Amino acid sequence: MTKLKEQYHSFSNENRTAEVFLEVIGSERNWSIDCFEHNEMVVTYKMPYEVAAEQLADEWVMGDIKIIE
């Protein structure tokens, strides 16, 4: 089974960063977004489409998405 994880985009604003990856496992394709705050990974999201992944990454770095603990 073929596995691939390739970084496509990186977003940053102030203390937040988001990295967007294409993950391919066999015939399945998903987009993952690793979200960082103060250089520490906070959460990873999975999205089915690149446009949705980019939008989520942008919203993360702009502070529109908050993580509630």
N, C-alpha and C. Protein backbone atom coordinates (compact mmCIF):
# COMPACT_ATOMS: atom_id res chain seq x y z
N MET A 1 0.85 -1.18 0.00
CA MET A 1 0.00 0.00 0.00
C MET A 1 0.89 1.25 0.00
N THR A 2 0.60 2.16 -0.88
CA THR A 2 1.37 3.39 -1.00
C THR A 2 0.93 4.40 0.04
N LYS A 3 1.90 5.00 0.75
CA LYS A 3 1.62 6.06 1.72
C LYS A 3 2.42 7.29 1.34
N LEU A 4 1.77 8.44 1.42
CA LEU A 4 2.43 9.69 1.09
C LEU A 4 1.88 10.78 2.00
N LYS A 5 2.75 11.61 2.53
CA LYS A 5 2.33 12.80 3.28
C LYS A 5 3.22 13.93 2.80
N GLU A 6 2.61 14.88 2.11
CA GLU A 6 3.36 15.96 1.49
C GLU A 6 2.79 17.31 1.92
N GLN A 7 3.68 18.20 2.38
CA GLN A 7 3.22 19.52 2.80
C GLN A 7 2.93 20.37 1.57
N TYR A 8 1.75 21.00 1.57
CA TYR A 8 1.33 21.83 0.45
C TYR A 8 1.34 23.32 0.79
N HIS A 9 0.94 23.67 2.01
CA HIS A 9 0.81 25.07 2.37
C HIS A 9 1.23 25.28 3.82
N SER A 10 1.62 26.52 4.11
CA SER A 10 1.93 26.91 5.48
C SER A 10 1.36 28.31 5.70
N PHE A 11 0.66 28.49 6.79
CA PHE A 11 0.06 29.78 7.13
C PHE A 11 0.62 30.21 8.48
N SER A 12 0.83 31.51 8.69
CA SER A 12 1.27 31.97 10.00
C SER A 12 0.79 33.39 10.25
N ASN A 13 0.53 33.67 11.51
CA ASN A 13 0.13 35.00 11.96
C ASN A 13 0.43 35.08 13.45
N GLU A 14 1.25 36.04 13.82
CA GLU A 14 1.65 36.25 15.20
C GLU A 14 2.18 34.95 15.80
N ASN A 15 1.52 34.40 16.82
CA ASN A 15 2.02 33.21 17.50
C ASN A 15 1.38 31.91 17.00
N ARG A 16 0.63 31.97 15.91
CA ARG A 16 -0.06 30.79 15.39
C ARG A 16 0.46 30.41 14.00
N THR A 17 0.55 29.10 13.79
CA THR A 17 0.98 28.55 12.51
C THR A 17 0.08 27.37 12.17
N ALA A 18 -0.17 27.17 10.89
CA ALA A 18 -0.90 25.99 10.42
C ALA A 18 -0.19 25.45 9.19
N GLU A 19 0.02 24.15 9.18
CA GLU A 19 0.65 23.48 8.05
C GLU A 19 -0.35 22.51 7.43
N VAL A 20 -0.52 22.62 6.12
CA VAL A 20 -1.50 21.81 5.40
C VAL A 20 -0.77 20.73 4.61
N PHE A 21 -1.20 19.48 4.81
CA PHE A 21 -0.59 18.33 4.16
C PHE A 21 -1.63 17.55 3.36
N LEU A 22 -1.18 17.00 2.23
CA LEU A 22 -1.97 16.00 1.51
C LEU A 22 -1.49 14.65 1.98
N GLU A 23 -2.42 13.82 2.44
CA GLU A 23 -2.10 12.46 2.86
C GLU A 23 -2.79 11.49 1.91
N VAL A 24 -2.00 10.60 1.33
CA VAL A 24 -2.53 9.59 0.42
C VAL A 24 -2.15 8.22 0.98
N ILE A 25 -3.17 7.40 1.22
CA ILE A 25 -2.95 6.02 1.65
C ILE A 25 -3.77 5.15 0.71
N GLY A 26 -3.05 4.42 -0.15
CA GLY A 26 -3.74 3.64 -1.18
C GLY A 26 -4.48 4.59 -2.11
N SER A 27 -5.78 4.40 -2.24
CA SER A 27 -6.58 5.28 -3.10
C SER A 27 -7.29 6.39 -2.32
N GLU A 28 -7.08 6.42 -1.01
CA GLU A 28 -7.74 7.43 -0.17
C GLU A 28 -6.88 8.68 -0.06
N ARG A 29 -7.52 9.84 -0.29
CA ARG A 29 -6.83 11.14 -0.22
C ARG A 29 -7.54 12.00 0.83
N ASN A 30 -6.77 12.53 1.76
CA ASN A 30 -7.30 13.44 2.78
C ASN A 30 -6.31 14.57 2.98
N TRP A 31 -6.79 15.66 3.51
CA TRP A 31 -5.96 16.81 3.84
C TRP A 31 -5.90 16.93 5.35
N SER A 32 -4.72 17.10 5.90
CA SER A 32 -4.58 17.29 7.34
C SER A 32 -4.00 18.68 7.60
N ILE A 33 -4.42 19.26 8.70
CA ILE A 33 -3.96 20.59 9.09
C ILE A 33 -3.40 20.49 10.50
N ASP A 34 -2.10 20.68 10.63
CA ASP A 34 -1.45 20.69 11.95
C ASP A 34 -1.44 22.14 12.43
N CYS A 35 -2.05 22.39 13.59
CA CYS A 35 -2.19 23.73 14.14
C CYS A 35 -1.27 23.92 15.34
N PHE A 36 -0.48 24.97 15.30
CA PHE A 36 0.50 25.27 16.34
C PHE A 36 0.20 26.62 16.97
N GLU A 37 0.50 26.72 18.26
CA GLU A 37 0.44 27.99 18.97
C GLU A 37 1.69 28.07 19.83
N HIS A 38 2.43 29.16 19.71
CA HIS A 38 3.72 29.31 20.40
C HIS A 38 4.65 28.14 20.08
N ASN A 39 4.66 27.70 18.82
CA ASN A 39 5.52 26.61 18.33
C ASN A 39 5.22 25.25 18.93
N GLU A 40 4.07 25.08 19.57
CA GLU A 40 3.65 23.78 20.10
C GLU A 40 2.40 23.33 19.37
N MET A 41 2.39 22.05 18.92
CA MET A 41 1.21 21.55 18.24
C MET A 41 0.04 21.48 19.21
N VAL A 42 -1.07 22.03 18.76
CA VAL A 42 -2.27 22.08 19.59
C VAL A 42 -3.29 21.03 19.14
N VAL A 43 -3.48 20.94 17.83
CA VAL A 43 -4.50 20.02 17.31
C VAL A 43 -4.21 19.75 15.84
N THR A 44 -4.70 18.60 15.36
CA THR A 44 -4.67 18.26 13.94
C THR A 44 -6.09 18.03 13.47
N TYR A 45 -6.45 18.67 12.38
CA TYR A 45 -7.76 18.49 11.77
C TYR A 45 -7.60 17.71 10.48
N LYS A 46 -8.64 16.99 10.08
CA LYS A 46 -8.67 16.28 8.80
C LYS A 46 -9.83 16.84 7.98
N MET A 47 -9.58 17.09 6.71
CA MET A 47 -10.60 17.62 5.81
C MET A 47 -10.56 16.83 4.50
N PRO A 48 -11.69 16.71 3.82
CA PRO A 48 -11.71 15.94 2.57
C PRO A 48 -11.22 16.72 1.35
N TYR A 49 -11.21 18.06 1.42
CA TYR A 49 -10.88 18.88 0.27
C TYR A 49 -9.82 19.92 0.60
N GLU A 50 -8.98 20.24 -0.38
CA GLU A 50 -7.91 21.21 -0.19
C GLU A 50 -8.46 22.59 0.17
N VAL A 51 -9.51 23.02 -0.50
CA VAL A 51 -10.08 24.35 -0.23
C VAL A 51 -10.54 24.45 1.22
N ALA A 52 -11.19 23.42 1.71
CA ALA A 52 -11.65 23.41 3.10
C ALA A 52 -10.47 23.42 4.07
N ALA A 53 -9.42 22.69 3.74
CA ALA A 53 -8.22 22.67 4.59
C ALA A 53 -7.55 24.03 4.64
N GLU A 54 -7.45 24.70 3.49
CA GLU A 54 -6.85 26.03 3.45
C GLU A 54 -7.69 27.03 4.26
N GLN A 55 -9.00 26.94 4.14
CA GLN A 55 -9.88 27.85 4.87
C GLN A 55 -9.73 27.65 6.37
N LEU A 56 -9.71 26.40 6.81
CA LEU A 56 -9.55 26.11 8.23
C LEU A 56 -8.19 26.62 8.73
N ALA A 57 -7.13 26.40 7.95
CA ALA A 57 -5.80 26.87 8.33
C ALA A 57 -5.78 28.39 8.48
N ASP A 58 -6.39 29.08 7.54
CA ASP A 58 -6.46 30.54 7.60
C ASP A 58 -7.24 31.00 8.83
N GLU A 59 -8.36 30.37 9.10
CA GLU A 59 -9.16 30.73 10.27
C GLU A 59 -8.39 30.47 11.56
N TRP A 60 -7.61 29.39 11.59
CA TRP A 60 -6.80 29.10 12.79
C TRP A 60 -5.80 30.22 13.06
N VAL A 61 -5.01 30.56 12.05
CA VAL A 61 -3.95 31.54 12.28
C VAL A 61 -4.50 32.94 12.53
N MET A 62 -5.68 33.24 12.02
CA MET A 62 -6.28 34.55 12.25
C MET A 62 -7.02 34.62 13.59
N GLY A 63 -7.07 33.51 14.32
CA GLY A 63 -7.69 33.49 15.64
C GLY A 63 -9.19 33.27 15.63
N ASP A 64 -9.75 32.91 14.48
CA ASP A 64 -11.19 32.68 14.41
C ASP A 64 -11.58 31.34 15.02
N ILE A 65 -10.62 30.43 15.16
CA ILE A 65 -10.87 29.12 15.78
C ILE A 65 -10.14 29.10 17.11
N LYS A 66 -10.87 28.80 18.16
CA LYS A 66 -10.30 28.71 19.51
C LYS A 66 -10.42 27.25 19.98
N ILE A 67 -9.40 26.79 20.70
CA ILE A 67 -9.43 25.47 21.30
C ILE A 67 -9.85 25.63 22.75
N ILE A 68 -10.92 24.97 23.12
CA ILE A 68 -11.42 25.04 24.50
C ILE A 68 -10.99 23.78 25.21
N GLU A 69 -10.31 23.95 26.33
CA GLU A 69 -9.83 22.78 27.10
C GLU A 69 -10.78 22.49 28.24
